[in-house]
Amino acid sequence: MTAAHRAMDQLQSWPNLVSGPPGCAVGEALFAAEYEVVHFHSGFAADLHLTHTAIERLRPELRHSTAIRLKPGSAWVTILLDCDSDVDLLLTLVSVALKAHTGSPPSPLPSPCTWYRPAVPLQRVRERAVLELPAAGMFPAARRAVGRFLPHGPRAV
C-alpha cells in the first residue's frame, strides 16, 4: 500500500470529507461541502486546495519542506508522499485547508489543480519505456528522490 493510499484511507474516515471524482477527471478526490479539498493523481503525490490566503500565511514553512511543491499564483500545493511523515504533513495541511475554506464563499469557477496530463498517451510511454529502459520500474522512485533535492519556489538571495 502506497503512502497516498494510506492517506486516502485516513481522510475518508473524516466525517466532513466525501470522496468523488476530481474536477480534472483523473484520480480520486475528497470534497468538503462544495469545495474540492484534496485529490490524488498517483500513489506518490496529492494536490491540496489550500487557498491563496493560507499559502501566503504559511509560505515560509512550506518552502522549507522537501515534500511540498508550490506553483506561483495557484491556490493548490502538491505534496510528495514517500513516507509516514509526509502523510502526517498532508493530514495536517488538510485540516488547515478545511479551516481556510470555512466561511469563505464558494468560487463560481473552480481553480485548477497543479496536475498536467502527459503530452504522450500513457500506453505509448509504457511501451517505449519497456523497450528502451529495462529497469524502468526504478525510474519513478529515482525521480521522486531527486525531486526532493531540487529547489522549489522563488528563493531570496
N, C-alpha and C. Protein backbone atom coordinates (compact mmCIF):
# COMPACT_ATOMS: atom_id res chain seq x y z
N MET A 1 0.84 -1.18 0.00
CA MET A 1 0.00 0.00 0.00
C MET A 1 0.89 1.24 0.00
N THR A 2 0.63 2.17 -0.91
CA THR A 2 1.44 3.38 -1.01
C THR A 2 1.04 4.38 0.07
N ALA A 3 1.88 5.39 0.24
CA ALA A 3 1.59 6.44 1.22
C ALA A 3 0.31 7.18 0.85
N ALA A 4 0.06 7.37 -0.44
CA ALA A 4 -1.17 8.04 -0.87
C ALA A 4 -2.40 7.23 -0.51
N HIS A 5 -2.32 5.90 -0.65
CA HIS A 5 -3.46 5.06 -0.27
C HIS A 5 -3.70 5.12 1.25
N ARG A 6 -2.63 5.15 2.02
CA ARG A 6 -2.78 5.27 3.48
C ARG A 6 -3.43 6.60 3.84
N ALA A 7 -2.99 7.67 3.18
CA ALA A 7 -3.56 8.99 3.44
C ALA A 7 -5.03 9.03 3.04
N MET A 8 -5.35 8.47 1.89
CA MET A 8 -6.75 8.45 1.41
C MET A 8 -7.63 7.68 2.37
N ASP A 9 -7.15 6.53 2.85
CA ASP A 9 -7.94 5.75 3.81
C ASP A 9 -8.21 6.54 5.08
N GLN A 10 -7.21 7.23 5.59
CA GLN A 10 -7.40 8.02 6.81
C GLN A 10 -8.35 9.19 6.58
N LEU A 11 -8.19 9.88 5.45
CA LEU A 11 -9.03 11.04 5.17
C LEU A 11 -10.49 10.66 4.91
N GLN A 12 -10.72 9.49 4.33
CA GLN A 12 -12.09 9.05 4.08
C GLN A 12 -12.86 8.78 5.37
N SER A 13 -12.14 8.59 6.47
CA SER A 13 -12.82 8.36 7.75
C SER A 13 -13.22 9.68 8.42
N TRP A 14 -12.75 10.81 7.90
CA TRP A 14 -13.12 12.10 8.47
C TRP A 14 -14.58 12.39 8.12
N PRO A 15 -15.39 12.82 9.09
CA PRO A 15 -16.82 12.99 8.85
C PRO A 15 -17.18 14.11 7.88
N ASN A 16 -16.34 15.10 7.72
CA ASN A 16 -16.68 16.22 6.85
C ASN A 16 -16.10 16.11 5.44
N LEU A 17 -15.53 14.96 5.08
CA LEU A 17 -14.98 14.75 3.75
C LEU A 17 -15.73 13.64 3.03
N VAL A 18 -16.03 13.87 1.76
CA VAL A 18 -16.75 12.91 0.93
C VAL A 18 -15.93 12.66 -0.32
N SER A 19 -15.77 11.40 -0.71
CA SER A 19 -14.99 11.10 -1.91
C SER A 19 -15.83 11.24 -3.17
N GLY A 20 -15.15 11.50 -4.27
CA GLY A 20 -15.82 11.64 -5.56
C GLY A 20 -14.80 11.87 -6.65
N PRO A 21 -15.28 12.04 -7.89
CA PRO A 21 -14.35 12.27 -9.00
C PRO A 21 -13.82 13.70 -8.96
N PRO A 22 -12.53 13.89 -9.22
CA PRO A 22 -11.96 15.24 -9.20
C PRO A 22 -12.41 16.06 -10.41
N GLY A 23 -12.27 17.37 -10.29
CA GLY A 23 -12.64 18.26 -11.37
C GLY A 23 -11.79 18.06 -12.62
N CYS A 24 -10.57 17.60 -12.45
CA CYS A 24 -9.69 17.37 -13.60
C CYS A 24 -9.92 15.98 -14.21
N ALA A 25 -10.80 15.19 -13.61
CA ALA A 25 -11.22 13.88 -14.12
C ALA A 25 -10.14 12.80 -14.08
N VAL A 26 -9.09 12.99 -13.28
CA VAL A 26 -8.04 11.98 -13.17
C VAL A 26 -7.79 11.72 -11.69
N GLY A 27 -7.90 10.47 -11.26
CA GLY A 27 -7.60 10.11 -9.88
C GLY A 27 -8.83 10.11 -8.99
N GLU A 28 -8.60 10.32 -7.70
CA GLU A 28 -9.67 10.34 -6.70
C GLU A 28 -9.59 11.65 -5.94
N ALA A 29 -10.76 12.16 -5.52
CA ALA A 29 -10.78 13.43 -4.81
C ALA A 29 -11.63 13.32 -3.55
N LEU A 30 -11.39 14.25 -2.63
CA LEU A 30 -12.19 14.37 -1.43
C LEU A 30 -12.74 15.79 -1.37
N PHE A 31 -14.02 15.89 -1.05
CA PHE A 31 -14.72 17.17 -1.04
C PHE A 31 -15.20 17.48 0.36
N ALA A 32 -15.24 18.77 0.69
CA ALA A 32 -15.87 19.27 1.91
C ALA A 32 -16.91 20.28 1.45
N ALA A 33 -18.18 19.97 1.68
CA ALA A 33 -19.28 20.79 1.19
C ALA A 33 -19.15 20.92 -0.32
N GLU A 34 -19.00 22.14 -0.84
CA GLU A 34 -18.91 22.31 -2.29
C GLU A 34 -17.48 22.47 -2.79
N TYR A 35 -16.51 22.34 -1.91
CA TYR A 35 -15.11 22.51 -2.27
C TYR A 35 -14.41 21.18 -2.48
N GLU A 36 -13.59 21.13 -3.53
CA GLU A 36 -12.69 20.01 -3.73
C GLU A 36 -11.45 20.35 -2.91
N VAL A 37 -11.18 19.57 -1.89
CA VAL A 37 -10.10 19.89 -0.97
C VAL A 37 -8.79 19.22 -1.37
N VAL A 38 -8.83 17.94 -1.67
CA VAL A 38 -7.61 17.21 -1.98
C VAL A 38 -7.90 16.17 -3.05
N HIS A 39 -6.94 15.95 -3.92
CA HIS A 39 -7.06 14.82 -4.84
C HIS A 39 -5.71 14.16 -5.09
N PHE A 40 -5.82 12.89 -5.40
CA PHE A 40 -4.67 12.02 -5.58
C PHE A 40 -4.61 11.60 -7.03
N HIS A 41 -3.54 12.00 -7.73
CA HIS A 41 -3.37 11.61 -9.13
C HIS A 41 -2.50 10.38 -9.26
N SER A 42 -1.73 10.10 -8.24
CA SER A 42 -0.83 8.94 -8.28
C SER A 42 -0.70 8.40 -6.87
N GLY A 43 0.03 7.32 -6.73
CA GLY A 43 0.28 6.75 -5.41
C GLY A 43 1.37 7.48 -4.65
N PHE A 44 1.93 8.53 -5.24
CA PHE A 44 3.08 9.19 -4.63
C PHE A 44 2.94 10.70 -4.46
N ALA A 45 1.75 11.25 -4.76
CA ALA A 45 1.56 12.69 -4.61
C ALA A 45 0.08 13.01 -4.45
N ALA A 46 -0.19 14.13 -3.81
CA ALA A 46 -1.55 14.63 -3.65
C ALA A 46 -1.55 16.13 -3.90
N ASP A 47 -2.60 16.63 -4.51
CA ASP A 47 -2.79 18.06 -4.69
C ASP A 47 -3.80 18.52 -3.66
N LEU A 48 -3.48 19.62 -2.98
CA LEU A 48 -4.32 20.14 -1.90
C LEU A 48 -4.71 21.57 -2.21
N HIS A 49 -6.03 21.85 -2.14
CA HIS A 49 -6.54 23.21 -2.35
C HIS A 49 -6.45 23.94 -1.02
N LEU A 50 -5.33 24.60 -0.81
CA LEU A 50 -5.03 25.23 0.47
C LEU A 50 -5.56 26.65 0.57
N THR A 51 -5.86 27.31 -0.50
CA THR A 51 -6.30 28.71 -0.66
C THR A 51 -5.09 29.63 -0.69
N HIS A 52 -5.26 30.74 -1.42
CA HIS A 52 -4.18 31.73 -1.55
C HIS A 52 -3.80 32.31 -0.19
N THR A 53 -4.81 32.61 0.64
CA THR A 53 -4.56 33.21 1.95
C THR A 53 -3.71 32.30 2.83
N ALA A 54 -4.08 31.02 2.89
CA ALA A 54 -3.34 30.07 3.72
C ALA A 54 -1.92 29.86 3.19
N ILE A 55 -1.77 29.82 1.88
CA ILE A 55 -0.43 29.64 1.30
C ILE A 55 0.46 30.83 1.65
N GLU A 56 -0.08 32.03 1.52
CA GLU A 56 0.73 33.22 1.83
C GLU A 56 1.11 33.25 3.31
N ARG A 57 0.19 32.85 4.18
CA ARG A 57 0.47 32.85 5.62
C ARG A 57 1.52 31.80 5.98
N LEU A 58 1.47 30.65 5.30
CA LEU A 58 2.37 29.53 5.62
C LEU A 58 3.59 29.42 4.70
N ARG A 59 3.72 30.34 3.76
CA ARG A 59 4.77 30.24 2.74
C ARG A 59 6.17 29.99 3.32
N PRO A 60 6.62 30.68 4.36
CA PRO A 60 7.97 30.41 4.87
C PRO A 60 8.15 28.95 5.32
N GLU A 61 7.15 28.39 5.99
CA GLU A 61 7.25 27.00 6.43
C GLU A 61 7.12 26.02 5.27
N LEU A 62 6.23 26.33 4.33
CA LEU A 62 6.02 25.44 3.18
C LEU A 62 7.27 25.35 2.32
N ARG A 63 7.99 26.45 2.17
CA ARG A 63 9.18 26.46 1.33
C ARG A 63 10.33 25.64 1.92
N HIS A 64 10.31 25.41 3.21
CA HIS A 64 11.37 24.63 3.84
C HIS A 64 11.14 23.12 3.74
N SER A 65 9.93 22.71 3.39
CA SER A 65 9.63 21.29 3.29
C SER A 65 10.04 20.75 1.93
N THR A 66 10.75 19.62 1.94
CA THR A 66 11.14 18.99 0.67
C THR A 66 9.99 18.23 0.04
N ALA A 67 8.90 18.05 0.79
CA ALA A 67 7.77 17.29 0.27
C ALA A 67 6.73 18.17 -0.42
N ILE A 68 6.87 19.47 -0.35
CA ILE A 68 5.85 20.39 -0.87
C ILE A 68 6.35 21.11 -2.10
N ARG A 69 5.49 21.16 -3.11
CA ARG A 69 5.77 21.92 -4.33
C ARG A 69 4.73 23.03 -4.44
N LEU A 70 5.20 24.26 -4.55
CA LEU A 70 4.33 25.42 -4.72
C LEU A 70 4.35 25.85 -6.17
N LYS A 71 3.20 26.21 -6.69
CA LYS A 71 3.12 26.74 -8.05
C LYS A 71 2.73 28.20 -7.94
N PRO A 72 3.53 29.11 -8.47
CA PRO A 72 3.23 30.54 -8.34
C PRO A 72 1.82 30.88 -8.83
N GLY A 73 1.10 31.62 -8.01
CA GLY A 73 -0.24 32.08 -8.38
C GLY A 73 -1.35 31.07 -8.19
N SER A 74 -1.04 29.87 -7.75
CA SER A 74 -2.05 28.82 -7.59
C SER A 74 -2.46 28.69 -6.13
N ALA A 75 -3.71 28.33 -5.92
CA ALA A 75 -4.22 28.06 -4.58
C ALA A 75 -4.01 26.59 -4.20
N TRP A 76 -3.39 25.83 -5.08
CA TRP A 76 -3.12 24.41 -4.86
C TRP A 76 -1.63 24.20 -4.56
N VAL A 77 -1.34 23.23 -3.69
CA VAL A 77 0.03 22.80 -3.45
C VAL A 77 0.08 21.29 -3.71
N THR A 78 1.23 20.82 -4.11
CA THR A 78 1.44 19.39 -4.32
C THR A 78 2.30 18.87 -3.18
N ILE A 79 1.86 17.76 -2.58
CA ILE A 79 2.62 17.13 -1.50
C ILE A 79 3.11 15.78 -2.02
N LEU A 80 4.43 15.59 -2.03
CA LEU A 80 5.02 14.32 -2.42
C LEU A 80 4.88 13.37 -1.24
N LEU A 81 4.37 12.18 -1.48
CA LEU A 81 4.09 11.22 -0.41
C LEU A 81 5.01 10.02 -0.53
N ASP A 82 6.08 10.04 0.25
CA ASP A 82 7.05 8.94 0.23
C ASP A 82 7.07 8.15 1.52
N CYS A 83 6.67 8.77 2.64
CA CYS A 83 6.79 8.10 3.93
C CYS A 83 5.67 8.56 4.87
N ASP A 84 5.65 7.99 6.06
CA ASP A 84 4.59 8.31 7.02
C ASP A 84 4.60 9.77 7.45
N SER A 85 5.78 10.39 7.54
CA SER A 85 5.81 11.80 7.94
C SER A 85 5.19 12.69 6.85
N ASP A 86 5.30 12.29 5.58
CA ASP A 86 4.64 13.03 4.50
C ASP A 86 3.12 12.90 4.62
N VAL A 87 2.64 11.71 4.99
CA VAL A 87 1.21 11.51 5.21
C VAL A 87 0.73 12.39 6.36
N ASP A 88 1.50 12.43 7.45
CA ASP A 88 1.15 13.30 8.58
C ASP A 88 1.10 14.76 8.16
N LEU A 89 2.05 15.18 7.33
CA LEU A 89 2.06 16.54 6.83
C LEU A 89 0.80 16.82 6.01
N LEU A 90 0.43 15.90 5.14
CA LEU A 90 -0.78 16.06 4.34
C LEU A 90 -2.01 16.18 5.23
N LEU A 91 -2.14 15.30 6.23
CA LEU A 91 -3.30 15.35 7.11
C LEU A 91 -3.38 16.69 7.85
N THR A 92 -2.24 17.20 8.29
CA THR A 92 -2.20 18.49 8.96
C THR A 92 -2.64 19.61 8.02
N LEU A 93 -2.12 19.58 6.80
CA LEU A 93 -2.48 20.62 5.84
C LEU A 93 -3.92 20.52 5.37
N VAL A 94 -4.50 19.31 5.35
CA VAL A 94 -5.92 19.18 5.03
C VAL A 94 -6.75 19.86 6.12
N SER A 95 -6.35 19.72 7.38
CA SER A 95 -7.03 20.43 8.47
C SER A 95 -6.96 21.93 8.27
N VAL A 96 -5.78 22.42 7.88
CA VAL A 96 -5.61 23.86 7.61
C VAL A 96 -6.51 24.28 6.45
N ALA A 97 -6.56 23.46 5.40
CA ALA A 97 -7.39 23.78 4.24
C ALA A 97 -8.87 23.82 4.61
N LEU A 98 -9.32 22.87 5.41
CA LEU A 98 -10.73 22.86 5.83
C LEU A 98 -11.05 24.13 6.62
N LYS A 99 -10.17 24.52 7.49
CA LYS A 99 -10.38 25.75 8.27
C LYS A 99 -10.34 26.97 7.35
N ALA A 100 -9.44 26.99 6.37
CA ALA A 100 -9.33 28.12 5.45
C ALA A 100 -10.59 28.26 4.59
N HIS A 101 -11.22 27.14 4.26
CA HIS A 101 -12.43 27.17 3.43
C HIS A 101 -13.67 27.52 4.24
N THR A 102 -13.64 27.34 5.54
CA THR A 102 -14.80 27.60 6.38
C THR A 102 -15.13 29.09 6.35
N GLY A 103 -16.37 29.39 6.00
CA GLY A 103 -16.82 30.77 5.98
C GLY A 103 -16.53 31.53 4.71
N SER A 104 -15.71 30.99 3.83
CA SER A 104 -15.44 31.70 2.58
C SER A 104 -16.50 31.31 1.54
N PRO A 105 -16.94 32.28 0.73
CA PRO A 105 -17.98 31.98 -0.26
C PRO A 105 -17.44 31.05 -1.35
N PRO A 106 -18.30 30.18 -1.90
CA PRO A 106 -17.83 29.29 -2.95
C PRO A 106 -17.43 30.07 -4.20
N SER A 107 -16.39 29.63 -4.84
CA SER A 107 -15.91 30.26 -6.07
C SER A 107 -16.77 29.82 -7.24
N PRO A 108 -17.18 30.75 -8.13
CA PRO A 108 -18.00 30.34 -9.27
C PRO A 108 -17.26 29.42 -10.23
N LEU A 109 -15.95 29.61 -10.36
CA LEU A 109 -15.13 28.74 -11.20
C LEU A 109 -14.10 28.05 -10.33
N PRO A 110 -14.05 26.72 -10.36
CA PRO A 110 -13.04 26.04 -9.55
C PRO A 110 -11.64 26.36 -10.06
N SER A 111 -10.73 26.58 -9.12
CA SER A 111 -9.35 26.83 -9.55
C SER A 111 -8.73 25.51 -9.98
N PRO A 112 -7.88 25.55 -11.00
CA PRO A 112 -7.30 24.30 -11.50
C PRO A 112 -6.28 23.74 -10.53
N CYS A 113 -6.18 22.43 -10.51
CA CYS A 113 -5.15 21.79 -9.70
C CYS A 113 -3.81 21.94 -10.43
N THR A 114 -2.76 21.44 -9.82
CA THR A 114 -1.43 21.61 -10.41
C THR A 114 -1.02 20.43 -11.28
N TRP A 115 -1.92 19.48 -11.52
CA TRP A 115 -1.58 18.30 -12.31
C TRP A 115 -1.80 18.59 -13.78
N TYR A 116 -0.86 18.12 -14.62
CA TYR A 116 -0.97 18.28 -16.06
C TYR A 116 -0.92 16.91 -16.71
N ARG A 117 -1.74 16.74 -17.73
CA ARG A 117 -1.76 15.48 -18.47
C ARG A 117 -0.47 15.34 -19.28
N PRO A 118 0.04 14.12 -19.40
CA PRO A 118 1.24 13.94 -20.22
C PRO A 118 0.91 14.20 -21.70
N ALA A 119 1.88 14.74 -22.42
CA ALA A 119 1.66 15.03 -23.84
C ALA A 119 1.56 13.75 -24.66
N VAL A 120 2.23 12.70 -24.23
CA VAL A 120 2.22 11.42 -24.94
C VAL A 120 1.24 10.50 -24.21
N PRO A 121 0.35 9.81 -24.92
CA PRO A 121 -0.57 8.89 -24.25
C PRO A 121 0.19 7.87 -23.41
N LEU A 122 -0.37 7.52 -22.25
CA LEU A 122 0.31 6.64 -21.31
C LEU A 122 0.70 5.29 -21.91
N GLN A 123 -0.14 4.71 -22.74
CA GLN A 123 0.17 3.41 -23.31
C GLN A 123 1.45 3.48 -24.14
N ARG A 124 1.60 4.54 -24.92
CA ARG A 124 2.81 4.69 -25.74
C ARG A 124 4.03 4.90 -24.86
N VAL A 125 3.88 5.64 -23.76
CA VAL A 125 5.01 5.87 -22.86
C VAL A 125 5.45 4.55 -22.24
N ARG A 126 4.50 3.74 -21.78
CA ARG A 126 4.84 2.46 -21.17
C ARG A 126 5.58 1.55 -22.15
N GLU A 127 5.06 1.47 -23.40
CA GLU A 127 5.70 0.61 -24.39
C GLU A 127 7.13 1.07 -24.66
N ARG A 128 7.32 2.37 -24.83
CA ARG A 128 8.64 2.91 -25.11
C ARG A 128 9.57 2.67 -23.93
N ALA A 129 9.08 2.85 -22.72
CA ALA A 129 9.91 2.66 -21.53
C ALA A 129 10.35 1.21 -21.41
N VAL A 130 9.48 0.28 -21.74
CA VAL A 130 9.83 -1.13 -21.64
C VAL A 130 10.89 -1.48 -22.68
N LEU A 131 10.76 -0.91 -23.89
CA LEU A 131 11.72 -1.22 -24.95
C LEU A 131 13.07 -0.57 -24.72
N GLU A 132 13.09 0.69 -24.24
CA GLU A 132 14.34 1.42 -24.13
C GLU A 132 15.02 1.24 -22.77
N LEU A 133 14.25 1.09 -21.71
CA LEU A 133 14.83 1.03 -20.36
C LEU A 133 14.40 -0.26 -19.67
N PRO A 134 15.25 -1.25 -19.61
CA PRO A 134 14.86 -2.50 -18.96
C PRO A 134 14.56 -2.32 -17.48
N ALA A 135 15.18 -1.34 -16.82
CA ALA A 135 14.94 -1.12 -15.39
C ALA A 135 14.00 0.07 -15.19
N ALA A 136 12.98 0.21 -16.03
CA ALA A 136 12.08 1.37 -15.99
C ALA A 136 11.31 1.43 -14.68
N GLY A 137 11.14 0.32 -14.01
CA GLY A 137 10.41 0.32 -12.74
C GLY A 137 11.12 1.10 -11.65
N MET A 138 12.44 1.27 -11.78
CA MET A 138 13.19 2.00 -10.78
C MET A 138 13.19 3.50 -11.04
N PHE A 139 12.87 3.93 -12.24
CA PHE A 139 12.95 5.33 -12.60
C PHE A 139 12.02 6.22 -11.78
N PRO A 140 10.73 5.90 -11.58
CA PRO A 140 9.88 6.81 -10.80
C PRO A 140 10.39 7.04 -9.39
N ALA A 141 10.92 6.02 -8.74
CA ALA A 141 11.44 6.20 -7.39
C ALA A 141 12.67 7.11 -7.41
N ALA A 142 13.51 6.94 -8.40
CA ALA A 142 14.69 7.80 -8.50
C ALA A 142 14.29 9.24 -8.80
N ARG A 143 13.29 9.42 -9.65
CA ARG A 143 12.82 10.76 -9.98
C ARG A 143 12.24 11.44 -8.74
N ARG A 144 11.48 10.71 -7.93
CA ARG A 144 10.93 11.28 -6.70
C ARG A 144 12.05 11.66 -5.75
N ALA A 145 13.06 10.82 -5.63
CA ALA A 145 14.16 11.10 -4.72
C ALA A 145 14.94 12.32 -5.17
N VAL A 146 15.23 12.43 -6.46
CA VAL A 146 15.96 13.58 -6.97
C VAL A 146 15.10 14.83 -6.85
N GLY A 147 13.79 14.71 -7.05
CA GLY A 147 12.89 15.85 -6.93
C GLY A 147 12.91 16.46 -5.55
N ARG A 148 13.23 15.67 -4.54
CA ARG A 148 13.33 16.19 -3.19
C ARG A 148 14.49 17.15 -3.03
N PHE A 149 15.54 17.00 -3.84
CA PHE A 149 16.73 17.83 -3.72
C PHE A 149 16.68 19.09 -4.59
N LEU A 150 15.73 19.12 -5.53
CA LEU A 150 15.63 20.29 -6.40
C LEU A 150 14.95 21.43 -5.66
N PRO A 151 15.45 22.64 -5.80
CA PRO A 151 14.82 23.78 -5.13
C PRO A 151 13.44 24.04 -5.72
N HIS A 152 12.53 24.48 -4.92
CA HIS A 152 11.19 24.80 -5.40
C HIS A 152 10.77 26.14 -4.83
N GLY A 153 10.04 26.88 -5.61
CA GLY A 153 9.59 28.20 -5.22
C GLY A 153 10.71 29.22 -5.34
N PRO A 154 10.32 30.50 -5.41
CA PRO A 154 11.35 31.53 -5.52
C PRO A 154 12.14 31.65 -4.22
N ARG A 155 13.42 31.83 -4.35
CA ARG A 155 14.30 31.95 -3.17
C ARG A 155 14.87 33.37 -3.12
N ALA A 156 14.90 33.91 -1.92
CA ALA A 156 15.52 35.23 -1.74
C ALA A 156 17.03 35.04 -1.71
N VAL A 157 17.72 35.87 -2.42
CA VAL A 157 19.19 35.77 -2.47
C VAL A 157 19.81 36.83 -1.62
